[in-house]
Amino acid sequence: LSEFGGYSSKIKEHSFNKTKTYGYKFFSDNEEFKKALLKLYYDEVIPAIKKHSLCATVLTQVSDVEDETNGLLTYDRQILKVEPNEMQKMANAVYEAYNNI
């Protein structure tokens, strides 16, 4: 699985471009962004590991850049959009799926 995700959560006070936004799926609420991103992993990525022996994944962006607001961190690196413990729990589920192939 190459680049995937592209889920956009723009926090205007912490964005480079106040008017333009780029992403594939937009969320006005950061909580909805977090739920959708984790759902993507749990409902699509992890089952693909188990069913199709998916061997690698690449989340599109760690942080927002200019017009793209689909990172885990805002452009100014001040806001983390998904709590580390939530990402760690998901990462553990990914590792477990790989280890059980």
PDB file of N, CA and C in Angstrom:
ATOM      1  N   LEU A   1       0.868  -1.163   0.000  1.00  0.00           N
ATOM      2  CA  LEU A   1       0.000   0.000   0.000  1.00  0.00           C
ATOM      3  C   LEU A   1       0.901   1.209   0.000  1.00  0.00           C
ATOM      4  N   SER A   2       0.823   1.991  -1.045  1.00  0.00           N
ATOM      5  CA  SER A   2       1.671   3.180  -1.092  1.00  0.00           C
ATOM      6  C   SER A   2       1.005   4.288  -0.292  1.00  0.00           C
ATOM      7  N   GLU A   3       1.195   5.491  -0.711  1.00  0.00           N
ATOM      8  CA  GLU A   3       0.621   6.633  -0.006  1.00  0.00           C
ATOM      9  C   GLU A   3      -0.880   6.443   0.189  1.00  0.00           C
ATOM     10  N   PHE A   4      -1.367   6.685   1.394  1.00  0.00           N
ATOM     11  CA  PHE A   4      -2.787   6.576   1.655  1.00  0.00           C
ATOM     12  C   PHE A   4      -3.172   7.589   2.709  1.00  0.00           C
ATOM     13  N   GLY A   5      -4.438   7.720   2.949  1.00  0.00           N
ATOM     14  CA  GLY A   5      -4.912   8.674   3.961  1.00  0.00           C
ATOM     15  C   GLY A   5      -5.415   9.918   3.280  1.00  0.00           C
ATOM     16  N   GLY A   6      -4.713  11.005   3.461  1.00  0.00           N
ATOM     17  CA  GLY A   6      -5.138  12.260   2.872  1.00  0.00           C
ATOM     18  C   GLY A   6      -6.336  12.863   3.578  1.00  0.00           C
ATOM     19  N   TYR A   7      -6.624  12.401   4.775  1.00  0.00           N
ATOM     20  CA  TYR A   7      -7.737  12.949   5.557  1.00  0.00           C
ATOM     21  C   TYR A   7      -7.313  14.308   6.096  1.00  0.00           C
ATOM     22  N   SER A   8      -8.157  15.288   5.885  1.00  0.00           N
ATOM     23  CA  SER A   8      -7.795  16.667   6.189  1.00  0.00           C
ATOM     24  C   SER A   8      -8.590  17.224   7.364  1.00  0.00           C
ATOM     25  N   SER A   9      -7.854  17.771   8.327  1.00  0.00           N
ATOM     26  CA  SER A   9      -8.456  18.480   9.454  1.00  0.00           C
ATOM     27  C   SER A   9      -7.699  19.791   9.609  1.00  0.00           C
ATOM     28  N   LYS A  10      -8.315  20.871   9.176  1.00  0.00           N
ATOM     29  CA  LYS A  10      -7.648  22.174   9.202  1.00  0.00           C
ATOM     30  C   LYS A  10      -7.992  22.919  10.476  1.00  0.00           C
ATOM     31  N   ILE A  11      -6.960  23.298  11.192  1.00  0.00           N
ATOM     32  CA  ILE A  11      -7.115  24.145  12.372  1.00  0.00           C
ATOM     33  C   ILE A  11      -6.569  25.508  11.961  1.00  0.00           C
ATOM     34  N   LYS A  12      -7.469  26.409  11.570  1.00  0.00           N
ATOM     35  CA  LYS A  12      -7.083  27.660  10.912  1.00  0.00           C
ATOM     36  C   LYS A  12      -6.023  28.461  11.655  1.00  0.00           C
ATOM     37  N   GLU A  13      -6.115  28.505  12.978  1.00  0.00           N
ATOM     38  CA  GLU A  13      -5.159  29.298  13.752  1.00  0.00           C
ATOM     39  C   GLU A  13      -3.738  28.729  13.674  1.00  0.00           C
ATOM     40  N   HIS A  14      -3.619  27.496  13.184  1.00  0.00           N
ATOM     41  CA  HIS A  14      -2.319  26.832  13.122  1.00  0.00           C
ATOM     42  C   HIS A  14      -2.003  26.363  11.704  1.00  0.00           C
ATOM     43  N   SER A  15      -2.585  27.061  10.709  1.00  0.00           N
ATOM     44  CA  SER A  15      -2.405  26.695   9.310  1.00  0.00           C
ATOM     45  C   SER A  15      -1.625  27.761   8.563  1.00  0.00           C
ATOM     46  N   PHE A  16      -0.905  27.338   7.544  1.00  0.00           N
ATOM     47  CA  PHE A  16      -0.148  28.255   6.694  1.00  0.00           C
ATOM     48  C   PHE A  16      -1.085  29.087   5.829  1.00  0.00           C
ATOM     49  N   ASN A  17      -1.980  28.415   5.114  1.00  0.00           N
ATOM     50  CA  ASN A  17      -2.899  29.096   4.203  1.00  0.00           C
ATOM     51  C   ASN A  17      -4.285  29.133   4.853  1.00  0.00           C
ATOM     52  N   LYS A  18      -4.779  30.328   5.106  1.00  0.00           N
ATOM     53  CA  LYS A  18      -6.066  30.481   5.805  1.00  0.00           C
ATOM     54  C   LYS A  18      -7.266  30.236   4.889  1.00  0.00           C
ATOM     55  N   THR A  19      -7.063  30.278   3.559  1.00  0.00           N
ATOM     56  CA  THR A  19      -8.198  30.164   2.639  1.00  0.00           C
ATOM     57  C   THR A  19      -8.232  28.854   1.846  1.00  0.00           C
ATOM     58  N   LYS A  20      -7.091  28.352   1.425  1.00  0.00           N
ATOM     59  CA  LYS A  20      -7.055  27.130   0.616  1.00  0.00           C
ATOM     60  C   LYS A  20      -6.756  25.917   1.487  1.00  0.00           C
ATOM     61  N   THR A  21      -7.330  24.789   1.081  1.00  0.00           N
ATOM     62  CA  THR A  21      -7.072  23.529   1.770  1.00  0.00           C
ATOM     63  C   THR A  21      -7.053  22.411   0.738  1.00  0.00           C
ATOM     64  N   TYR A  22      -6.112  21.482   0.907  1.00  0.00           N
ATOM     65  CA  TYR A  22      -6.030  20.333   0.021  1.00  0.00           C
ATOM     66  C   TYR A  22      -6.064  19.066   0.865  1.00  0.00           C
ATOM     67  N   GLY A  23      -6.781  18.087   0.377  1.00  0.00           N
ATOM     68  CA  GLY A  23      -6.874  16.786   1.018  1.00  0.00           C
ATOM     69  C   GLY A  23      -7.856  15.952   0.228  1.00  0.00           C
ATOM     70  N   TYR A  24      -8.060  14.717   0.629  1.00  0.00           N
ATOM     71  CA  TYR A  24      -8.976  13.821  -0.081  1.00  0.00           C
ATOM     72  C   TYR A  24     -10.322  13.695   0.612  1.00  0.00           C
ATOM     73  N   LYS A  25     -10.321  13.835   1.919  1.00  0.00           N
ATOM     74  CA  LYS A  25     -11.550  13.759   2.690  1.00  0.00           C
ATOM     75  C   LYS A  25     -11.420  14.774   3.814  1.00  0.00           C
ATOM     76  N   PHE A  26     -12.427  15.636   3.963  1.00  0.00           N
ATOM     77  CA  PHE A  26     -12.324  16.776   4.870  1.00  0.00           C
ATOM     78  C   PHE A  26     -13.186  16.592   6.115  1.00  0.00           C
ATOM     79  N   PHE A  27     -12.614  16.988   7.246  1.00  0.00           N
ATOM     80  CA  PHE A  27     -13.310  16.923   8.524  1.00  0.00           C
ATOM     81  C   PHE A  27     -13.217  18.290   9.191  1.00  0.00           C
ATOM     82  N   SER A  28     -14.365  18.847   9.567  1.00  0.00           N
ATOM     83  CA  SER A  28     -14.376  20.159  10.218  1.00  0.00           C
ATOM     84  C   SER A  28     -14.113  20.032  11.711  1.00  0.00           C
ATOM     85  N   ASP A  29     -14.266  18.839  12.231  1.00  0.00           N
ATOM     86  CA  ASP A  29     -14.084  18.577  13.652  1.00  0.00           C
ATOM     87  C   ASP A  29     -12.902  17.623  13.820  1.00  0.00           C
ATOM     88  N   ASN A  30     -11.943  18.003  14.655  1.00  0.00           N
ATOM     89  CA  ASN A  30     -10.749  17.176  14.819  1.00  0.00           C
ATOM     90  C   ASN A  30     -11.060  15.808  15.415  1.00  0.00           C
ATOM     91  N   GLU A  31     -12.079  15.710  16.259  1.00  0.00           N
ATOM     92  CA  GLU A  31     -12.461  14.420  16.835  1.00  0.00           C
ATOM     93  C   GLU A  31     -12.931  13.470  15.734  1.00  0.00           C
ATOM     94  N   GLU A  32     -13.682  13.996  14.762  1.00  0.00           N
ATOM     95  CA  GLU A  32     -14.128  13.176  13.631  1.00  0.00           C
ATOM     96  C   GLU A  32     -12.945  12.757  12.760  1.00  0.00           C
ATOM     97  N   PHE A  33     -11.990  13.657  12.582  1.00  0.00           N
ATOM     98  CA  PHE A  33     -10.761  13.337  11.851  1.00  0.00           C
ATOM     99  C   PHE A  33     -10.056  12.157  12.510  1.00  0.00           C
ATOM    100  N   LYS A  34      -9.869  12.232  13.821  1.00  0.00           N
ATOM    101  CA  LYS A  34      -9.184  11.182  14.562  1.00  0.00           C
ATOM    102  C   LYS A  34      -9.923   9.852  14.428  1.00  0.00           C
ATOM    103  N   LYS A  35     -11.238   9.874  14.611  1.00  0.00           N
ATOM    104  CA  LYS A  35     -12.025   8.646  14.502  1.00  0.00           C
ATOM    105  C   LYS A  35     -11.900   8.036  13.111  1.00  0.00           C
ATOM    106  N   ALA A  36     -11.988   8.875  12.085  1.00  0.00           N
ATOM    107  CA  ALA A  36     -11.916   8.376  10.704  1.00  0.00           C
ATOM    108  C   ALA A  36     -10.542   7.803  10.390  1.00  0.00           C
ATOM    109  N   LEU A  37      -9.487   8.473  10.852  1.00  0.00           N
ATOM    110  CA  LEU A  37      -8.134   7.979  10.593  1.00  0.00           C
ATOM    111  C   LEU A  37      -7.900   6.630  11.268  1.00  0.00           C
ATOM    112  N   LEU A  38      -8.290   6.517  12.521  1.00  0.00           N
ATOM    113  CA  LEU A  38      -8.119   5.245  13.222  1.00  0.00           C
ATOM    114  C   LEU A  38      -9.004   4.158  12.615  1.00  0.00           C
ATOM    115  N   LYS A  39     -10.204   4.523  12.202  1.00  0.00           N
ATOM    116  CA  LYS A  39     -11.108   3.573  11.542  1.00  0.00           C
ATOM    117  C   LYS A  39     -10.476   3.054  10.250  1.00  0.00           C
ATOM    118  N   LEU A  40      -9.807   3.925   9.510  1.00  0.00           N
ATOM    119  CA  LEU A  40      -9.115   3.524   8.284  1.00  0.00           C
ATOM    120  C   LEU A  40      -8.104   2.415   8.581  1.00  0.00           C
ATOM    121  N   TYR A  41      -7.345   2.588   9.630  1.00  0.00           N
ATOM    122  CA  TYR A  41      -6.375   1.547  10.003  1.00  0.00           C
ATOM    123  C   TYR A  41      -7.056   0.268  10.458  1.00  0.00           C
ATOM    124  N   TYR A  42      -7.986   0.403  11.385  1.00  0.00           N
ATOM    125  CA  TYR A  42      -8.613  -0.795  11.966  1.00  0.00           C
ATOM    126  C   TYR A  42      -9.517  -1.533  10.975  1.00  0.00           C
ATOM    127  N   ASP A  43     -10.193  -0.802  10.095  1.00  0.00           N
ATOM    128  CA  ASP A  43     -11.159  -1.435   9.190  1.00  0.00           C
ATOM    129  C   ASP A  43     -10.594  -1.800   7.823  1.00  0.00           C
ATOM    130  N   GLU A  44      -9.484  -1.155   7.421  1.00  0.00           N
ATOM    131  CA  GLU A  44      -8.958  -1.435   6.083  1.00  0.00           C
ATOM    132  C   GLU A  44      -7.517  -1.922   6.081  1.00  0.00           C
ATOM    133  N   VAL A  45      -6.633  -1.212   6.779  1.00  0.00           N
ATOM    134  CA  VAL A  45      -5.213  -1.582   6.733  1.00  0.00           C
ATOM    135  C   VAL A  45      -4.958  -2.908   7.452  1.00  0.00           C
ATOM    136  N   ILE A  46      -5.388  -3.027   8.690  1.00  0.00           N
ATOM    137  CA  ILE A  46      -5.118  -4.255   9.453  1.00  0.00           C
ATOM    138  C   ILE A  46      -5.766  -5.485   8.802  1.00  0.00           C
ATOM    139  N   PRO A  47      -7.024  -5.404   8.344  1.00  0.00           N
ATOM    140  CA  PRO A  47      -7.575  -6.561   7.629  1.00  0.00           C
ATOM    141  C   PRO A  47      -6.802  -6.907   6.349  1.00  0.00           C
ATOM    142  N   ALA A  48      -6.232  -5.889   5.664  1.00  0.00           N
ATOM    143  CA  ALA A  48      -5.439  -6.164   4.457  1.00  0.00           C
ATOM    144  C   ALA A  48      -4.144  -6.891   4.804  1.00  0.00           C
ATOM    145  N   ILE A  49      -3.606  -6.619   5.975  1.00  0.00           N
ATOM    146  CA  ILE A  49      -2.413  -7.345   6.426  1.00  0.00           C
ATOM    147  C   ILE A  49      -2.771  -8.818   6.590  1.00  0.00           C
ATOM    148  N   LYS A  50      -3.879  -9.068   7.255  1.00  0.00           N
ATOM    149  CA  LYS A  50      -4.295 -10.441   7.542  1.00  0.00           C
ATOM    150  C   LYS A  50      -4.736 -11.190   6.286  1.00  0.00           C
ATOM    151  N   LYS A  51      -5.506 -10.521   5.427  1.00  0.00           N
ATOM    152  CA  LYS A  51      -6.116 -11.200   4.275  1.00  0.00           C
ATOM    153  C   LYS A  51      -5.199 -11.253   3.063  1.00  0.00           C
ATOM    154  N   HIS A  52      -4.458 -10.174   2.824  1.00  0.00           N
ATOM    155  CA  HIS A  52      -3.682 -10.077   1.588  1.00  0.00           C
ATOM    156  C   HIS A  52      -2.175 -10.027   1.822  1.00  0.00           C
ATOM    157  N   SER A  53      -1.752 -10.242   3.057  1.00  0.00           N
ATOM    158  CA  SER A  53      -0.330 -10.184   3.408  1.00  0.00           C
ATOM    159  C   SER A  53       0.304  -8.843   3.052  1.00  0.00           C
ATOM    160  N   LEU A  54      -0.446  -7.768   3.266  1.00  0.00           N
ATOM    161  CA  LEU A  54       0.085  -6.427   3.065  1.00  0.00           C
ATOM    162  C   LEU A  54       1.383  -6.305   3.845  1.00  0.00           C
ATOM    163  N   CYS A  55       2.449  -5.837   3.205  1.00  0.00           N
ATOM    164  CA  CYS A  55       3.744  -5.840   3.882  1.00  0.00           C
ATOM    165  C   CYS A  55       4.233  -4.457   4.288  1.00  0.00           C
ATOM    166  N   ALA A  56       3.583  -3.389   3.847  1.00  0.00           N
ATOM    167  CA  ALA A  56       4.035  -2.051   4.230  1.00  0.00           C
ATOM    168  C   ALA A  56       2.922  -1.039   3.985  1.00  0.00           C
ATOM    169  N   THR A  57       2.962   0.024   4.771  1.00  0.00           N
ATOM    170  CA  THR A  57       2.038   1.132   4.577  1.00  0.00           C
ATOM    171  C   THR A  57       2.805   2.434   4.766  1.00  0.00           C
ATOM    172  N   VAL A  58       2.335   3.487   4.110  1.00  0.00           N
ATOM    173  CA  VAL A  58       2.955   4.802   4.241  1.00  0.00           C
ATOM    174  C   VAL A  58       1.850   5.823   4.427  1.00  0.00           C
ATOM    175  N   LEU A  59       1.738   6.376   5.632  1.00  0.00           N
ATOM    176  CA  LEU A  59       0.789   7.456   5.863  1.00  0.00           C
ATOM    177  C   LEU A  59       1.319   8.695   5.164  1.00  0.00           C
ATOM    178  N   THR A  60       0.461   9.392   4.452  1.00  0.00           N
ATOM    179  CA  THR A  60       0.861  10.484   3.581  1.00  0.00           C
ATOM    180  C   THR A  60       1.740  11.526   4.260  1.00  0.00           C
ATOM    181  N   GLN A  61       1.301  12.096   5.346  1.00  0.00           N
ATOM    182  CA  GLN A  61       2.057  13.195   5.937  1.00  0.00           C
ATOM    183  C   GLN A  61       2.066  13.134   7.451  1.00  0.00           C
ATOM    184  N   VAL A  62       3.218  13.417   8.010  1.00  0.00           N
ATOM    185  CA  VAL A  62       3.328  13.528   9.463  1.00  0.00           C
ATOM    186  C   VAL A  62       2.776  14.877   9.915  1.00  0.00           C
ATOM    187  N   SER A  63       3.050  15.926   9.127  1.00  0.00           N
ATOM    188  CA  SER A  63       2.572  17.262   9.502  1.00  0.00           C
ATOM    189  C   SER A  63       1.953  17.963   8.305  1.00  0.00           C
ATOM    190  N   ASP A  64       1.102  18.943   8.609  1.00  0.00           N
ATOM    191  CA  ASP A  64       0.515  19.770   7.556  1.00  0.00           C
ATOM    192  C   ASP A  64       1.629  20.550   6.857  1.00  0.00           C
ATOM    193  N   VAL A  65       1.441  20.797   5.566  1.00  0.00           N
ATOM    194  CA  VAL A  65       2.369  21.619   4.790  1.00  0.00           C
ATOM    195  C   VAL A  65       1.559  22.559   3.915  1.00  0.00           C
ATOM    196  N   GLU A  66       1.927  23.834   3.925  1.00  0.00           N
ATOM    197  CA  GLU A  66       1.244  24.849   3.142  1.00  0.00           C
ATOM    198  C   GLU A  66      -0.266  24.579   3.017  1.00  0.00           C
ATOM    199  N   ASP A  67      -0.760  24.208   1.818  1.00  0.00           N
ATOM    200  CA  ASP A  67      -2.202  24.031   1.596  1.00  0.00           C
ATOM    201  C   ASP A  67      -2.726  22.682   2.073  1.00  0.00           C
ATOM    202  N   GLU A  68      -1.851  21.720   2.248  1.00  0.00           N
ATOM    203  CA  GLU A  68      -2.286  20.375   2.649  1.00  0.00           C
ATOM    204  C   GLU A  68      -2.404  20.296   4.173  1.00  0.00           C
ATOM    205  N   THR A  69      -3.589  19.925   4.636  1.00  0.00           N
ATOM    206  CA  THR A  69      -3.839  19.866   6.081  1.00  0.00           C
ATOM    207  C   THR A  69      -4.202  18.444   6.505  1.00  0.00           C
ATOM    208  N   ASN A  70      -3.474  17.481   5.940  1.00  0.00           N
ATOM    209  CA  ASN A  70      -3.766  16.079   6.243  1.00  0.00           C
ATOM    210  C   ASN A  70      -2.674  15.421   7.086  1.00  0.00           C
ATOM    211  N   GLY A  71      -1.966  16.216   7.855  1.00  0.00           N
ATOM    212  CA  GLY A  71      -0.934  15.674   8.718  1.00  0.00           C
ATOM    213  C   GLY A  71      -1.456  15.356  10.107  1.00  0.00           C
ATOM    214  N   LEU A  72      -0.612  14.673  10.881  1.00  0.00           N
ATOM    215  CA  LEU A  72      -0.940  14.388  12.273  1.00  0.00           C
ATOM    216  C   LEU A  72      -0.639  15.591  13.163  1.00  0.00           C
ATOM    217  N   LEU A  73       0.242  16.466  12.685  1.00  0.00           N
ATOM    218  CA  LEU A  73       0.574  17.716  13.370  1.00  0.00           C
ATOM    219  C   LEU A  73       0.170  18.890  12.502  1.00  0.00           C
ATOM    220  N   THR A  74      -0.160  20.008  13.140  1.00  0.00           N
ATOM    221  CA  THR A  74      -0.460  21.219  12.376  1.00  0.00           C
ATOM    222  C   THR A  74       0.818  21.770  11.748  1.00  0.00           C
ATOM    223  N   TYR A  75       0.658  22.698  10.811  1.00  0.00           N
ATOM    224  CA  TYR A  75       1.775  23.311  10.083  1.00  0.00           C
ATOM    225  C   TYR A  75       2.815  23.893  11.037  1.00  0.00           C
ATOM    226  N   ASP A  76       2.359  24.548  12.099  1.00  0.00           N
ATOM    227  CA  ASP A  76       3.277  25.167  13.055  1.00  0.00           C
ATOM    228  C   ASP A  76       3.773  24.200  14.127  1.00  0.00           C
ATOM    229  N   ARG A  77       3.377  22.936  14.017  1.00  0.00           N
ATOM    230  CA  ARG A  77       3.784  21.855  14.937  1.00  0.00           C
ATOM    231  C   ARG A  77       3.324  22.096  16.375  1.00  0.00           C
ATOM    232  N   GLN A  78       2.258  22.880  16.539  1.00  0.00           N
ATOM    233  CA  GLN A  78       1.752  23.200  17.873  1.00  0.00           C
ATOM    234  C   GLN A  78       0.639  22.276  18.340  1.00  0.00           C
ATOM    235  N   ILE A  79      -0.115  21.697  17.391  1.00  0.00           N
ATOM    236  CA  ILE A  79      -1.256  20.847  17.742  1.00  0.00           C
ATOM    237  C   ILE A  79      -1.036  19.450  17.183  1.00  0.00           C
ATOM    238  N   LEU A  80      -1.088  18.471  18.058  1.00  0.00           N
ATOM    239  CA  LEU A  80      -1.053  17.071  17.655  1.00  0.00           C
ATOM    240  C   LEU A  80      -2.507  16.625  17.523  1.00  0.00           C
ATOM    241  N   LYS A  81      -2.912  16.226  16.323  1.00  0.00           N
ATOM    242  CA  LYS A  81      -4.323  15.951  16.041  1.00  0.00           C
ATOM    243  C   LYS A  81      -4.815  14.609  16.584  1.00  0.00           C
ATOM    244  N   VAL A  82      -3.916  13.673  16.787  1.00  0.00           N
ATOM    245  CA  VAL A  82      -4.275  12.371  17.353  1.00  0.00           C
ATOM    246  C   VAL A  82      -3.312  12.102  18.505  1.00  0.00           C
ATOM    247  N   GLU A  83      -3.854  11.770  19.660  1.00  0.00           N
ATOM    248  CA  GLU A  83      -3.035  11.560  20.843  1.00  0.00           C
ATOM    249  C   GLU A  83      -2.049  10.407  20.632  1.00  0.00           C
ATOM    250  N   PRO A  84      -0.834  10.547  21.165  1.00  0.00           N
ATOM    251  CA  PRO A  84       0.172   9.494  21.000  1.00  0.00           C
ATOM    252  C   PRO A  84      -0.299   8.128  21.494  1.00  0.00           C
ATOM    253  N   ASN A  85      -1.035   8.083  22.598  1.00  0.00           N
ATOM    254  CA  ASN A  85      -1.487   6.783  23.105  1.00  0.00           C
ATOM    255  C   ASN A  85      -2.453   6.108  22.135  1.00  0.00           C
ATOM    256  N   GLU A  86      -3.260   6.889  21.415  1.00  0.00           N
ATOM    257  CA  GLU A  86      -4.175   6.321  20.408  1.00  0.00           C
ATOM    258  C   GLU A  86      -3.378   5.764  19.226  1.00  0.00           C
ATOM    259  N   MET A  87      -2.362   6.511  18.785  1.00  0.00           N
ATOM    260  CA  MET A  87      -1.528   6.049  17.674  1.00  0.00           C
ATOM    261  C   MET A  87      -0.708   4.827  18.092  1.00  0.00           C
ATOM    262  N   GLN A  88      -0.237   4.810  19.336  1.00  0.00           N
ATOM    263  CA  GLN A  88       0.537   3.657  19.814  1.00  0.00           C
ATOM    264  C   GLN A  88      -0.327   2.405  19.873  1.00  0.00           C
ATOM    265  N   LYS A  89      -1.554   2.558  20.350  1.00  0.00           N
ATOM    266  CA  LYS A  89      -2.477   1.426  20.407  1.00  0.00           C
ATOM    267  C   LYS A  89      -2.724   0.869  19.002  1.00  0.00           C
ATOM    268  N   MET A  90      -2.932   1.768  18.037  1.00  0.00           N
ATOM    269  CA  MET A  90      -3.153   1.340  16.660  1.00  0.00           C
ATOM    270  C   MET A  90      -1.891   0.694  16.101  1.00  0.00           C
ATOM    271  N   ALA A  91      -0.729   1.289  16.373  1.00  0.00           N
ATOM    272  CA  ALA A  91       0.534   0.723  15.881  1.00  0.00           C
ATOM    273  C   ALA A  91       0.758  -0.674  16.457  1.00  0.00           C
ATOM    274  N   ASN A  92       0.409  -0.861  17.717  1.00  0.00           N
ATOM    275  CA  ASN A  92       0.529  -2.193  18.320  1.00  0.00           C
ATOM    276  C   ASN A  92      -0.370  -3.201  17.604  1.00  0.00           C
ATOM    277  N   ALA A  93      -1.563  -2.772  17.214  1.00  0.00           N
ATOM    278  CA  ALA A  93      -2.475  -3.656  16.472  1.00  0.00           C
ATOM    279  C   ALA A  93      -1.899  -3.994  15.100  1.00  0.00           C
ATOM    280  N   VAL A  94      -1.246  -3.033  14.465  1.00  0.00           N
ATOM    281  CA  VAL A  94      -0.592  -3.285  13.174  1.00  0.00           C
ATOM    282  C   VAL A  94       0.540  -4.294  13.353  1.00  0.00           C
ATOM    283  N   TYR A  95       1.401  -4.074  14.355  1.00  0.00           N
ATOM    284  CA  TYR A  95       2.504  -5.005  14.613  1.00  0.00           C
ATOM    285  C   TYR A  95       1.985  -6.404  14.907  1.00  0.00           C
ATOM    286  N   GLU A  96       0.933  -6.486  15.687  1.00  0.00           N
ATOM    287  CA  GLU A  96       0.351  -7.781  16.025  1.00  0.00           C
ATOM    288  C   GLU A  96      -0.150  -8.490  14.777  1.00  0.00           C
ATOM    289  N   ALA A  97      -0.796  -7.736  13.886  1.00  0.00           N
ATOM    290  CA  ALA A  97      -1.291  -8.338  12.638  1.00  0.00           C
ATOM    291  C   ALA A  97      -0.124  -8.872  11.800  1.00  0.00           C
ATOM    292  N   TYR A  98       0.973  -8.106  11.705  1.00  0.00           N
ATOM    293  CA  TYR A  98       2.154  -8.574  10.968  1.00  0.00           C
ATOM    294  C   TYR A  98       2.755  -9.812  11.618  1.00  0.00           C
ATOM    295  N   ASN A  99       2.805  -9.821  12.935  1.00  0.00           N
ATOM    296  CA  ASN A  99       3.406 -10.956  13.630  1.00  0.00           C
ATOM    297  C   ASN A  99       2.572 -12.229  13.525  1.00  0.00           C
ATOM    298  N   ASN A 100       1.291 -12.092  13.216  1.00  0.00           N
ATOM    299  CA  ASN A 100       0.412 -13.250  13.126  1.00  0.00           C
ATOM    300  C   ASN A 100       0.228 -13.782  11.709  1.00  0.00           C
ATOM    301  N   ILE A 101       0.979 -13.245  10.770  1.00  0.00           N
ATOM    302  CA  ILE A 101       0.882 -13.743   9.383  1.00  0.00           C
ATOM    303  C   ILE A 101       1.604 -15.067   9.284  1.00  0.00           C
TER     304      ILE A 101
END
